[in-house]
Amino acid sequence: MGTQMRPADGAMTLAEMKEFASFPASVQRYIRRSLDVGLDREDALVRWSRDVVEAASIKAQTRIYGRLDRIRNLVPDDSGLDAVEPFFAPLVTISAFDLGQDRLNGFGAYRFLYERLIGANVRPWLPGAFCAAAALPHLHPEKRRILLQSISEAAATAPGWSNREPCFYPEWVDKVEPRLAS
């Protein structure tokens, strides 16, 4: 027996699709590639590498993303500081890698990707991880400024977060040639 989608789920999926569509094509491409690597959906190296530089980037991303399973298992249930260090340090490291790739243009794209890579329970931790990674010296000062300015006050100071899992996980879509009318 299949599961039924409630009307709210359909509306949320549409909202997530619209949000994804609002990102530049290069950001959309990086998110899809990252989801393929992080969720082990496809052979990302075969699908996404266009040259040796991108192939090296995907290999490095695969190595860094190897920490995702551990992070998923360590997301703290509350703000207890004892649970933060083993979770937060690897999250900031992966975040720093992604921001260093210069493909995520701000907090919105980062949040969109990480909600899908890790799950809804990571939402309270994303503003802090993003700000920590965006402030690291491996980024050019102008890039740090742009990234840090991309997080809204509302996102940085939210009193609570939804625990609803994302519905829309963008994937590769092969280009289909239009058919001629016969």
C-alpha atoms as a PDB file:
ATOM      1  CA  MET A   1       0.000   0.000   0.000  1.00  0.00           C
ATOM      2  CA  GLY A   2       1.423   3.410  -0.945  1.00  0.00           C
ATOM      3  CA  THR A   3       1.597   6.414   1.269  1.00  0.00           C
ATOM      4  CA  GLN A   4      -0.626   9.366   0.560  1.00  0.00           C
ATOM      5  CA  MET A   5       0.782  12.829   0.305  1.00  0.00           C
ATOM      6  CA  ARG A   6      -1.131  15.299   2.411  1.00  0.00           C
ATOM      7  CA  PRO A   7      -1.962  18.679   0.832  1.00  0.00           C
ATOM      8  CA  ALA A   8       0.540  20.383   3.145  1.00  0.00           C
ATOM      9  CA  ASP A   9       3.284  18.038   1.907  1.00  0.00           C
ATOM     10  CA  GLY A  10       2.511  19.015  -1.683  1.00  0.00           C
ATOM     11  CA  ALA A  11       2.602  22.704  -0.828  1.00  0.00           C
ATOM     12  CA  MET A  12       5.900  22.270   1.013  1.00  0.00           C
ATOM     13  CA  THR A  13       7.404  20.329  -1.874  1.00  0.00           C
ATOM     14  CA  LEU A  14       6.375  23.090  -4.259  1.00  0.00           C
ATOM     15  CA  ALA A  15       7.865  25.729  -1.941  1.00  0.00           C
ATOM     16  CA  GLU A  16      11.126  23.768  -1.786  1.00  0.00           C
ATOM     17  CA  MET A  17      11.176  23.417  -5.579  1.00  0.00           C
ATOM     18  CA  LYS A  18      10.645  27.173  -5.946  1.00  0.00           C
ATOM     19  CA  GLU A  19      13.446  27.865  -3.489  1.00  0.00           C
ATOM     20  CA  PHE A  20      15.786  25.567  -5.418  1.00  0.00           C
ATOM     21  CA  ALA A  21      14.785  27.236  -8.693  1.00  0.00           C
ATOM     22  CA  SER A  22      15.691  30.628  -7.209  1.00  0.00           C
ATOM     23  CA  PHE A  23      19.361  29.616  -6.934  1.00  0.00           C
ATOM     24  CA  PRO A  24      21.716  30.329  -9.856  1.00  0.00           C
ATOM     25  CA  ALA A  25      22.349  27.356 -12.168  1.00  0.00           C
ATOM     26  CA  SER A  26      25.884  26.884 -10.829  1.00  0.00           C
ATOM     27  CA  VAL A  27      24.561  26.645  -7.247  1.00  0.00           C
ATOM     28  CA  GLN A  28      21.857  24.172  -8.341  1.00  0.00           C
ATOM     29  CA  ARG A  29      24.512  22.057 -10.049  1.00  0.00           C
ATOM     30  CA  TYR A  30      26.709  22.022  -6.940  1.00  0.00           C
ATOM     31  CA  ILE A  31      23.779  21.093  -4.694  1.00  0.00           C
ATOM     32  CA  ARG A  32      22.799  18.185  -6.965  1.00  0.00           C
ATOM     33  CA  ARG A  33      26.423  17.033  -7.170  1.00  0.00           C
ATOM     34  CA  SER A  34      26.817  17.303  -3.391  1.00  0.00           C
ATOM     35  CA  LEU A  35      23.642  15.306  -2.784  1.00  0.00           C
ATOM     36  CA  ASP A  36      24.905  12.600  -5.149  1.00  0.00           C
ATOM     37  CA  VAL A  37      28.174  12.456  -3.179  1.00  0.00           C
ATOM     38  CA  GLY A  38      26.670  12.809   0.303  1.00  0.00           C
ATOM     39  CA  LEU A  39      23.694  10.502  -0.155  1.00  0.00           C
ATOM     40  CA  ASP A  40      25.648   8.037  -2.321  1.00  0.00           C
ATOM     41  CA  ARG A  41      23.030   8.331  -5.062  1.00  0.00           C
ATOM     42  CA  GLU A  42      25.146   8.068  -8.188  1.00  0.00           C
ATOM     43  CA  ASP A  43      28.758   7.868  -9.249  1.00  0.00           C
ATOM     44  CA  ALA A  44      29.359  11.603  -8.851  1.00  0.00           C
ATOM     45  CA  LEU A  45      32.786  11.444 -10.459  1.00  0.00           C
ATOM     46  CA  VAL A  46      31.373   9.997 -13.682  1.00  0.00           C
ATOM     47  CA  ARG A  47      28.279  12.187 -13.708  1.00  0.00           C
ATOM     48  CA  TRP A  48      29.670  15.575 -12.660  1.00  0.00           C
ATOM     49  CA  SER A  49      33.364  15.903 -13.503  1.00  0.00           C
ATOM     50  CA  ARG A  50      34.023  17.956 -16.611  1.00  0.00           C
ATOM     51  CA  ASP A  51      37.795  18.191 -16.221  1.00  0.00           C
ATOM     52  CA  VAL A  52      40.665  17.071 -13.983  1.00  0.00           C
ATOM     53  CA  VAL A  53      40.189  19.993 -11.598  1.00  0.00           C
ATOM     54  CA  GLU A  54      36.543  19.119 -10.996  1.00  0.00           C
ATOM     55  CA  ALA A  55      37.423  15.426 -10.691  1.00  0.00           C
ATOM     56  CA  ALA A  56      39.944  16.286  -7.963  1.00  0.00           C
ATOM     57  CA  SER A  57      37.328  18.442  -6.228  1.00  0.00           C
ATOM     58  CA  ILE A  58      34.800  15.585  -6.261  1.00  0.00           C
ATOM     59  CA  LYS A  59      37.392  13.150  -4.881  1.00  0.00           C
ATOM     60  CA  ALA A  60      38.191  15.591  -2.076  1.00  0.00           C
ATOM     61  CA  GLN A  61      34.473  16.127  -1.428  1.00  0.00           C
ATOM     62  CA  THR A  62      33.906  12.375  -1.233  1.00  0.00           C
ATOM     63  CA  ARG A  63      36.719  12.098   1.318  1.00  0.00           C
ATOM     64  CA  ILE A  64      35.401  15.034   3.424  1.00  0.00           C
ATOM     65  CA  TYR A  65      31.788  13.824   3.179  1.00  0.00           C
ATOM     66  CA  GLY A  66      32.896  10.507   4.662  1.00  0.00           C
ATOM     67  CA  ARG A  67      32.193  12.220   8.012  1.00  0.00           C
ATOM     68  CA  LEU A  68      28.482  12.675   7.254  1.00  0.00           C
ATOM     69  CA  ASP A  69      27.316   9.372   8.762  1.00  0.00           C
ATOM     70  CA  ARG A  70      29.062  10.219  12.015  1.00  0.00           C
ATOM     71  CA  ILE A  71      27.604  13.733  12.022  1.00  0.00           C
ATOM     72  CA  ARG A  72      24.080  12.389  11.361  1.00  0.00           C
ATOM     73  CA  ASN A  73      24.414  10.108  14.380  1.00  0.00           C
ATOM     74  CA  LEU A  74      25.764  12.858  16.638  1.00  0.00           C
ATOM     75  CA  VAL A  75      23.263  15.692  16.067  1.00  0.00           C
ATOM     76  CA  PRO A  76      22.486  16.826  19.628  1.00  0.00           C
ATOM     77  CA  ASP A  77      18.877  16.637  20.795  1.00  0.00           C
ATOM     78  CA  ASP A  78      19.314  19.762  22.863  1.00  0.00           C
ATOM     79  CA  SER A  79      21.799  22.531  23.399  1.00  0.00           C
ATOM     80  CA  GLY A  80      23.824  20.611  25.988  1.00  0.00           C
ATOM     81  CA  LEU A  81      27.426  21.642  25.517  1.00  0.00           C
ATOM     82  CA  ASP A  82      28.781  18.147  26.216  1.00  0.00           C
ATOM     83  CA  ALA A  83      27.390  16.878  22.906  1.00  0.00           C
ATOM     84  CA  VAL A  84      28.475  19.840  20.797  1.00  0.00           C
ATOM     85  CA  GLU A  85      32.192  19.273  20.249  1.00  0.00           C
ATOM     86  CA  PRO A  86      32.156  15.806  18.613  1.00  0.00           C
ATOM     87  CA  PHE A  87      29.302  16.960  16.354  1.00  0.00           C
ATOM     88  CA  PHE A  88      30.084  20.594  15.634  1.00  0.00           C
ATOM     89  CA  ALA A  89      33.777  20.365  14.735  1.00  0.00           C
ATOM     90  CA  PRO A  90      33.235  17.935  11.819  1.00  0.00           C
ATOM     91  CA  LEU A  91      30.139  19.899  10.708  1.00  0.00           C
ATOM     92  CA  VAL A  92      32.189  23.107  10.531  1.00  0.00           C
ATOM     93  CA  THR A  93      34.967  21.268   8.665  1.00  0.00           C
ATOM     94  CA  ILE A  94      32.586  19.965   5.997  1.00  0.00           C
ATOM     95  CA  SER A  95      30.885  23.372   5.819  1.00  0.00           C
ATOM     96  CA  ALA A  96      34.271  25.073   5.375  1.00  0.00           C
ATOM     97  CA  PHE A  97      35.058  22.707   2.514  1.00  0.00           C
ATOM     98  CA  ASP A  98      31.776  23.472   0.732  1.00  0.00           C
ATOM     99  CA  LEU A  99      32.079  27.233   1.231  1.00  0.00           C
ATOM    100  CA  GLY A 100      35.692  27.041   0.038  1.00  0.00           C
ATOM    101  CA  GLN A 101      34.538  25.511  -3.233  1.00  0.00           C
ATOM    102  CA  ASP A 102      33.002  28.931  -3.989  1.00  0.00           C
ATOM    103  CA  ARG A 103      29.796  27.388  -5.318  1.00  0.00           C
ATOM    104  CA  LEU A 104      27.339  28.065  -2.475  1.00  0.00           C
ATOM    105  CA  ASN A 105      26.440  31.744  -2.718  1.00  0.00           C
ATOM    106  CA  GLY A 106      24.982  32.259   0.750  1.00  0.00           C
ATOM    107  CA  PHE A 107      23.213  30.860   3.771  1.00  0.00           C
ATOM    108  CA  GLY A 108      20.031  29.928   1.867  1.00  0.00           C
ATOM    109  CA  ALA A 109      21.833  27.557  -0.490  1.00  0.00           C
ATOM    110  CA  TYR A 110      23.937  26.189   2.378  1.00  0.00           C
ATOM    111  CA  ARG A 111      20.852  25.536   4.532  1.00  0.00           C
ATOM    112  CA  PHE A 112      19.021  23.928   1.592  1.00  0.00           C
ATOM    113  CA  LEU A 113      21.918  21.516   1.001  1.00  0.00           C
ATOM    114  CA  TYR A 114      22.636  20.631   4.624  1.00  0.00           C
ATOM    115  CA  GLU A 115      19.000  19.999   5.560  1.00  0.00           C
ATOM    116  CA  ARG A 116      19.060  17.300   2.907  1.00  0.00           C
ATOM    117  CA  LEU A 117      22.541  15.947   3.630  1.00  0.00           C
ATOM    118  CA  ILE A 118      21.979  15.587   7.385  1.00  0.00           C
ATOM    119  CA  GLY A 119      18.254  15.962   8.094  1.00  0.00           C
ATOM    120  CA  ALA A 120      15.788  18.363   9.688  1.00  0.00           C
ATOM    121  CA  ASN A 121      17.278  17.889  13.158  1.00  0.00           C
ATOM    122  CA  VAL A 122      20.405  19.809  12.087  1.00  0.00           C
ATOM    123  CA  ARG A 123      18.502  23.081  11.494  1.00  0.00           C
ATOM    124  CA  PRO A 124      19.248  24.692  14.882  1.00  0.00           C
ATOM    125  CA  TRP A 125      22.961  24.135  14.337  1.00  0.00           C
ATOM    126  CA  LEU A 126      23.232  25.449  10.767  1.00  0.00           C
ATOM    127  CA  PRO A 127      23.480  29.204  11.496  1.00  0.00           C
ATOM    128  CA  GLY A 128      26.390  28.657  13.897  1.00  0.00           C
ATOM    129  CA  ALA A 129      28.191  26.180  11.623  1.00  0.00           C
ATOM    130  CA  PHE A 130      27.718  28.465   8.627  1.00  0.00           C
ATOM    131  CA  CYS A 131      29.025  31.531  10.467  1.00  0.00           C
ATOM    132  CA  ALA A 132      31.981  29.603  11.875  1.00  0.00           C
ATOM    133  CA  ALA A 133      32.935  28.186   8.463  1.00  0.00           C
ATOM    134  CA  ALA A 134      32.335  31.495   6.660  1.00  0.00           C
ATOM    135  CA  ALA A 135      34.619  33.324   9.099  1.00  0.00           C
ATOM    136  CA  LEU A 136      37.592  30.998   8.633  1.00  0.00           C
ATOM    137  CA  PRO A 137      40.747  32.479   7.065  1.00  0.00           C
ATOM    138  CA  HIS A 138      40.865  30.046   4.133  1.00  0.00           C
ATOM    139  CA  LEU A 139      38.268  32.243   2.419  1.00  0.00           C
ATOM    140  CA  HIS A 140      39.126  35.555   0.798  1.00  0.00           C
ATOM    141  CA  PRO A 141      38.034  38.468   3.026  1.00  0.00           C
ATOM    142  CA  GLU A 142      35.529  39.699   0.436  1.00  0.00           C
ATOM    143  CA  LYS A 143      34.014  36.214   0.168  1.00  0.00           C
ATOM    144  CA  ARG A 144      33.773  36.033   3.978  1.00  0.00           C
ATOM    145  CA  ARG A 145      31.965  39.375   4.007  1.00  0.00           C
ATOM    146  CA  ILE A 146      29.469  38.285   1.331  1.00  0.00           C
ATOM    147  CA  LEU A 147      28.762  34.957   3.038  1.00  0.00           C
ATOM    148  CA  LEU A 148      28.352  36.431   6.509  1.00  0.00           C
ATOM    149  CA  GLN A 149      26.046  39.148   5.189  1.00  0.00           C
ATOM    150  CA  SER A 150      23.876  36.506   3.511  1.00  0.00           C
ATOM    151  CA  ILE A 151      22.479  35.179   6.783  1.00  0.00           C
ATOM    152  CA  SER A 152      19.478  37.152   7.921  1.00  0.00           C
ATOM    153  CA  GLU A 153      18.975  38.267  11.484  1.00  0.00           C
ATOM    154  CA  ALA A 154      15.831  36.121  11.570  1.00  0.00           C
ATOM    155  CA  ALA A 155      17.795  32.992  10.576  1.00  0.00           C
ATOM    156  CA  ALA A 156      20.578  33.731  13.035  1.00  0.00           C
ATOM    157  CA  THR A 157      18.248  34.393  15.980  1.00  0.00           C
ATOM    158  CA  ALA A 158      15.316  32.057  15.287  1.00  0.00           C
ATOM    159  CA  PRO A 159      13.497  31.030  18.467  1.00  0.00           C
ATOM    160  CA  GLY A 160      12.680  27.591  17.034  1.00  0.00           C
ATOM    161  CA  TRP A 161      12.997  25.365  13.986  1.00  0.00           C
ATOM    162  CA  SER A 162      10.737  22.997  12.130  1.00  0.00           C
ATOM    163  CA  ASN A 163      11.431  19.299  12.530  1.00  0.00           C
ATOM    164  CA  ARG A 164       9.689  18.452   9.244  1.00  0.00           C
ATOM    165  CA  GLU A 165      12.053  16.634   6.917  1.00  0.00           C
ATOM    166  CA  PRO A 166      12.633  18.145   3.472  1.00  0.00           C
ATOM    167  CA  CYS A 167      10.422  16.748   0.698  1.00  0.00           C
ATOM    168  CA  PHE A 168      12.317  17.785  -2.421  1.00  0.00           C
ATOM    169  CA  TYR A 169      15.724  16.290  -3.204  1.00  0.00           C
ATOM    170  CA  PRO A 170      16.899  17.663  -6.563  1.00  0.00           C
ATOM    171  CA  GLU A 171      18.494  15.161  -8.903  1.00  0.00           C
ATOM    172  CA  TRP A 172      20.157  15.073 -12.268  1.00  0.00           C
ATOM    173  CA  VAL A 173      17.765  15.333 -15.165  1.00  0.00           C
ATOM    174  CA  ASP A 174      18.917  14.256 -18.594  1.00  0.00           C
ATOM    175  CA  LYS A 175      18.216  16.715 -21.367  1.00  0.00           C
ATOM    176  CA  VAL A 176      15.394  15.505 -23.545  1.00  0.00           C
ATOM    177  CA  GLU A 177      15.362  16.512 -27.167  1.00  0.00           C
ATOM    178  CA  PRO A 178      12.054  17.954 -28.284  1.00  0.00           C
ATOM    179  CA  ARG A 179      10.007  15.819 -30.628  1.00  0.00           C
ATOM    180  CA  LEU A 180       8.814  17.179 -33.912  1.00  0.00           C
ATOM    181  CA  ALA A 181       5.079  17.076 -34.420  1.00  0.00           C
ATOM    182  CA  SER A 182       4.137  14.507 -37.015  1.00  0.00           C
END
